[in-house]
Amino acid sequence: MDDLRCKGGYCVEPMRAWDQAVAEGWLNQRACYIKSDGWRVWCAGEYVLKVE
C-alpha cells in the first residue's frame, strides 16, 4: 500500500486504515520501503484469512 509512514498530509488516512487492519489482526505487515527524502513510503503485507 502506498502513502504510509510518510511526511505528507495525504498519508494520514492510509496510515490510519493500515494500522487499524494490523491491530484488528486481518493484515500482517511484512516490510516498508522508504524513499530517501521521506515523502514516499509504501508497505507490503498479507491478508490473514481466518476459517471458522
PDB file of N, CA and C in Angstrom:
ATOM      1  N   MET A   1       0.849  -1.155   0.000  1.00  0.00           N
ATOM      2  CA  MET A   1       0.000   0.000   0.000  1.00  0.00           C
ATOM      3  C   MET A   1       0.901   1.226   0.000  1.00  0.00           C
ATOM      4  N   ASP A   2       0.511   2.211  -0.754  1.00  0.00           N
ATOM      5  CA  ASP A   2       1.300   3.428  -0.884  1.00  0.00           C
ATOM      6  C   ASP A   2       0.848   4.471   0.142  1.00  0.00           C
ATOM      7  N   ASP A   3       1.669   5.472   0.336  1.00  0.00           N
ATOM      8  CA  ASP A   3       1.376   6.622   1.203  1.00  0.00           C
ATOM      9  C   ASP A   3       1.246   6.250   2.683  1.00  0.00           C
ATOM     10  N   LEU A   4       2.165   5.435   3.158  1.00  0.00           N
ATOM     11  CA  LEU A   4       2.210   5.060   4.571  1.00  0.00           C
ATOM     12  C   LEU A   4       3.490   5.580   5.200  1.00  0.00           C
ATOM     13  N   ARG A   5       3.391   6.019   6.455  1.00  0.00           N
ATOM     14  CA  ARG A   5       4.543   6.453   7.242  1.00  0.00           C
ATOM     15  C   ARG A   5       5.351   7.559   6.570  1.00  0.00           C
ATOM     16  N   CYS A   6       4.696   8.410   5.814  1.00  0.00           N
ATOM     17  CA  CYS A   6       5.424   9.475   5.132  1.00  0.00           C
ATOM     18  C   CYS A   6       5.060  10.845   5.701  1.00  0.00           C
ATOM     19  N   LYS A   7       5.696  11.872   5.196  1.00  0.00           N
ATOM     20  CA  LYS A   7       5.574  13.224   5.747  1.00  0.00           C
ATOM     21  C   LYS A   7       4.325  13.973   5.298  1.00  0.00           C
ATOM     22  N   GLY A   8       3.761  13.620   4.162  1.00  0.00           N
ATOM     23  CA  GLY A   8       2.647  14.376   3.603  1.00  0.00           C
ATOM     24  C   GLY A   8       1.336  14.179   4.354  1.00  0.00           C
ATOM     25  N   GLY A   9       0.499  15.211   4.344  1.00  0.00           N
ATOM     26  CA  GLY A   9      -0.817  15.125   4.979  1.00  0.00           C
ATOM     27  C   GLY A   9      -1.705  14.085   4.335  1.00  0.00           C
ATOM     28  N   TYR A  10      -1.430  13.773   3.078  1.00  0.00           N
ATOM     29  CA  TYR A  10      -2.189  12.751   2.359  1.00  0.00           C
ATOM     30  C   TYR A  10      -1.919  11.341   2.889  1.00  0.00           C
ATOM     31  N   CYS A  11      -0.977  11.206   3.798  1.00  0.00           N
ATOM     32  CA  CYS A  11      -0.638   9.888   4.357  1.00  0.00           C
ATOM     33  C   CYS A  11      -1.465   9.538   5.593  1.00  0.00           C
ATOM     34  N   VAL A  12      -2.162  10.496   6.160  1.00  0.00           N
ATOM     35  CA  VAL A  12      -2.853  10.289   7.427  1.00  0.00           C
ATOM     36  C   VAL A  12      -3.924   9.195   7.325  1.00  0.00           C
ATOM     37  N   GLU A  13      -4.817   9.305   6.381  1.00  0.00           N
ATOM     38  CA  GLU A  13      -5.904   8.320   6.271  1.00  0.00           C
ATOM     39  C   GLU A  13      -5.408   6.935   5.860  1.00  0.00           C
ATOM     40  N   PRO A  14      -4.510   6.806   4.866  1.00  0.00           N
ATOM     41  CA  PRO A  14      -3.985   5.473   4.567  1.00  0.00           C
ATOM     42  C   PRO A  14      -3.275   4.836   5.765  1.00  0.00           C
ATOM     43  N   MET A  15      -2.525   5.647   6.527  1.00  0.00           N
ATOM     44  CA  MET A  15      -1.845   5.112   7.717  1.00  0.00           C
ATOM     45  C   MET A  15      -2.851   4.626   8.743  1.00  0.00           C
ATOM     46  N   ARG A  16      -3.916   5.396   8.938  1.00  0.00           N
ATOM     47  CA  ARG A  16      -4.943   5.018   9.907  1.00  0.00           C
ATOM     48  C   ARG A  16      -5.595   3.693   9.501  1.00  0.00           C
ATOM     49  N   ALA A  17      -5.929   3.549   8.233  1.00  0.00           N
ATOM     50  CA  ALA A  17      -6.560   2.319   7.748  1.00  0.00           C
ATOM     51  C   ALA A  17      -5.615   1.126   7.871  1.00  0.00           C
ATOM     52  N   TRP A  18      -4.360   1.326   7.517  1.00  0.00           N
ATOM     53  CA  TRP A  18      -3.365   0.244   7.592  1.00  0.00           C
ATOM     54  C   TRP A  18      -3.164  -0.189   9.048  1.00  0.00           C
ATOM     55  N   ASP A  19      -2.969   0.777   9.931  1.00  0.00           N
ATOM     56  CA  ASP A  19      -2.756   0.469  11.354  1.00  0.00           C
ATOM     57  C   ASP A  19      -3.963  -0.238  11.964  1.00  0.00           C
ATOM     58  N   GLN A  20      -5.158   0.164  11.564  1.00  0.00           N
ATOM     59  CA  GLN A  20      -6.369  -0.484  12.065  1.00  0.00           C
ATOM     60  C   GLN A  20      -6.440  -1.933  11.596  1.00  0.00           C
ATOM     61  N   ALA A  21      -6.110  -2.175  10.335  1.00  0.00           N
ATOM     62  CA  ALA A  21      -6.132  -3.535   9.801  1.00  0.00           C
ATOM     63  C   ALA A  21      -5.131  -4.429  10.529  1.00  0.00           C
ATOM     64  N   VAL A  22      -3.951  -3.890  10.819  1.00  0.00           N
ATOM     65  CA  VAL A  22      -2.939  -4.658  11.559  1.00  0.00           C
ATOM     66  C   VAL A  22      -3.421  -4.910  12.990  1.00  0.00           C
ATOM     67  N   ALA A  23      -3.944  -3.875  13.640  1.00  0.00           N
ATOM     68  CA  ALA A  23      -4.404  -4.002  15.027  1.00  0.00           C
ATOM     69  C   ALA A  23      -5.557  -4.994  15.166  1.00  0.00           C
ATOM     70  N   GLU A  24      -6.429  -5.038  14.170  1.00  0.00           N
ATOM     71  CA  GLU A  24      -7.573  -5.956  14.216  1.00  0.00           C
ATOM     72  C   GLU A  24      -7.213  -7.372  13.779  1.00  0.00           C
ATOM     73  N   GLY A  25      -5.976  -7.561  13.340  1.00  0.00           N
ATOM     74  CA  GLY A  25      -5.488  -8.905  13.050  1.00  0.00           C
ATOM     75  C   GLY A  25      -5.827  -9.458  11.687  1.00  0.00           C
ATOM     76  N   TRP A  26      -6.281  -8.638  10.762  1.00  0.00           N
ATOM     77  CA  TRP A  26      -6.576  -9.194   9.447  1.00  0.00           C
ATOM     78  C   TRP A  26      -5.544  -8.815   8.396  1.00  0.00           C
ATOM     79  N   LEU A  27      -4.423  -8.227   8.849  1.00  0.00           N
ATOM     80  CA  LEU A  27      -3.317  -7.907   7.957  1.00  0.00           C
ATOM     81  C   LEU A  27      -2.006  -8.060   8.705  1.00  0.00           C
ATOM     82  N   ASN A  28      -1.045  -8.747   8.112  1.00  0.00           N
ATOM     83  CA  ASN A  28       0.310  -8.855   8.650  1.00  0.00           C
ATOM     84  C   ASN A  28       1.224  -7.975   7.813  1.00  0.00           C
ATOM     85  N   GLN A  29       1.847  -6.996   8.439  1.00  0.00           N
ATOM     86  CA  GLN A  29       2.805  -6.157   7.730  1.00  0.00           C
ATOM     87  C   GLN A  29       4.097  -6.931   7.566  1.00  0.00           C
ATOM     88  N   ARG A  30       4.656  -6.913   6.363  1.00  0.00           N
ATOM     89  CA  ARG A  30       5.893  -7.634   6.091  1.00  0.00           C
ATOM     90  C   ARG A  30       7.102  -6.717   5.979  1.00  0.00           C
ATOM     91  N   ALA A  31       6.949  -5.586   5.293  1.00  0.00           N
ATOM     92  CA  ALA A  31       8.081  -4.681   5.102  1.00  0.00           C
ATOM     93  C   ALA A  31       7.573  -3.328   4.640  1.00  0.00           C
ATOM     94  N   CYS A  32       8.330  -2.282   4.948  1.00  0.00           N
ATOM     95  CA  CYS A  32       8.042  -0.949   4.445  1.00  0.00           C
ATOM     96  C   CYS A  32       9.287  -0.429   3.735  1.00  0.00           C
ATOM     97  N   TYR A  33       9.062   0.302   2.680  1.00  0.00           N
ATOM     98  CA  TYR A  33      10.135   0.849   1.868  1.00  0.00           C
ATOM     99  C   TYR A  33      10.010   2.364   1.880  1.00  0.00           C
ATOM    100  N   ILE A  34      11.075   3.041   2.269  1.00  0.00           N
ATOM    101  CA  ILE A  34      11.059   4.483   2.441  1.00  0.00           C
ATOM    102  C   ILE A  34      12.002   5.123   1.435  1.00  0.00           C
ATOM    103  N   LYS A  35      11.474   6.064   0.648  1.00  0.00           N
ATOM    104  CA  LYS A  35      12.318   6.831  -0.250  1.00  0.00           C
ATOM    105  C   LYS A  35      13.197   7.743   0.599  1.00  0.00           C
ATOM    106  N   SER A  36      14.385   8.024   0.161  1.00  0.00           N
ATOM    107  CA  SER A  36      15.371   8.746   0.974  1.00  0.00           C
ATOM    108  C   SER A  36      14.885  10.106   1.476  1.00  0.00           C
ATOM    109  N   ASP A  37      13.974  10.747   0.764  1.00  0.00           N
ATOM    110  CA  ASP A  37      13.502  12.057   1.218  1.00  0.00           C
ATOM    111  C   ASP A  37      12.356  11.960   2.223  1.00  0.00           C
ATOM    112  N   GLY A  38      11.834  10.763   2.460  1.00  0.00           N
ATOM    113  CA  GLY A  38      10.779  10.549   3.437  1.00  0.00           C
ATOM    114  C   GLY A  38       9.382  10.915   2.970  1.00  0.00           C
ATOM    115  N   TRP A  39       9.250  11.384   1.739  1.00  0.00           N
ATOM    116  CA  TRP A  39       7.939  11.791   1.232  1.00  0.00           C
ATOM    117  C   TRP A  39       7.193  10.646   0.574  1.00  0.00           C
ATOM    118  N   ARG A  40       7.858   9.568   0.247  1.00  0.00           N
ATOM    119  CA  ARG A  40       7.201   8.417  -0.366  1.00  0.00           C
ATOM    120  C   ARG A  40       7.548   7.170   0.432  1.00  0.00           C
ATOM    121  N   VAL A  41       6.524   6.523   0.957  1.00  0.00           N
ATOM    122  CA  VAL A  41       6.712   5.283   1.718  1.00  0.00           C
ATOM    123  C   VAL A  41       5.596   4.328   1.334  1.00  0.00           C
ATOM    124  N   TRP A  42       5.937   3.082   1.129  1.00  0.00           N
ATOM    125  CA  TRP A  42       4.913   2.084   0.883  1.00  0.00           C
ATOM    126  C   TRP A  42       5.262   0.833   1.658  1.00  0.00           C
ATOM    127  N   CYS A  43       4.234   0.089   2.017  1.00  0.00           N
ATOM    128  CA  CYS A  43       4.416  -1.113   2.822  1.00  0.00           C
ATOM    129  C   CYS A  43       3.772  -2.303   2.125  1.00  0.00           C
ATOM    130  N   ALA A  44       4.324  -3.459   2.400  1.00  0.00           N
ATOM    131  CA  ALA A  44       3.788  -4.709   1.868  1.00  0.00           C
ATOM    132  C   ALA A  44       3.291  -5.551   3.034  1.00  0.00           C
ATOM    133  N   GLY A  45       2.231  -6.262   2.789  1.00  0.00           N
ATOM    134  CA  GLY A  45       1.668  -7.134   3.812  1.00  0.00           C
ATOM    135  C   GLY A  45       0.862  -8.237   3.179  1.00  0.00           C
ATOM    136  N   GLU A  46       0.275  -9.049   4.022  1.00  0.00           N
ATOM    137  CA  GLU A  46      -0.574 -10.125   3.516  1.00  0.00           C
ATOM    138  C   GLU A  46      -1.810 -10.239   4.395  1.00  0.00           C
ATOM    139  N   TYR A  47      -2.904 -10.573   3.759  1.00  0.00           N
ATOM    140  CA  TYR A  47      -4.150 -10.751   4.486  1.00  0.00           C
ATOM    141  C   TYR A  47      -4.086 -11.988   5.359  1.00  0.00           C
ATOM    142  N   VAL A  48      -4.739 -11.938   6.502  1.00  0.00           N
ATOM    143  CA  VAL A  48      -4.862 -13.081   7.395  1.00  0.00           C
ATOM    144  C   VAL A  48      -6.268 -13.637   7.199  1.00  0.00           C
ATOM    145  N   LEU A  49      -6.340 -14.829   6.653  1.00  0.00           N
ATOM    146  CA  LEU A  49      -7.645 -15.451   6.425  1.00  0.00           C
ATOM    147  C   LEU A  49      -7.957 -16.376   7.584  1.00  0.00           C
ATOM    148  N   LYS A  50      -9.075 -16.154   8.221  1.00  0.00           N
ATOM    149  CA  LYS A  50      -9.487 -16.970   9.350  1.00  0.00           C
ATOM    150  C   LYS A  50     -10.678 -17.822   8.916  1.00  0.00           C
ATOM    151  N   VAL A  51     -10.488 -19.107   8.942  1.00  0.00           N
ATOM    152  CA  VAL A  51     -11.548 -20.036   8.579  1.00  0.00           C
ATOM    153  C   VAL A  51     -12.130 -20.587   9.874  1.00  0.00           C
ATOM    154  N   GLU A  52     -13.423 -20.414  10.036  1.00  0.00           N
ATOM    155  CA  GLU A  52     -14.062 -20.906  11.258  1.00  0.00           C
ATOM    156  C   GLU A  52     -15.068 -21.981  10.946  1.00  0.00           C
TER     157      GLU A  52
END
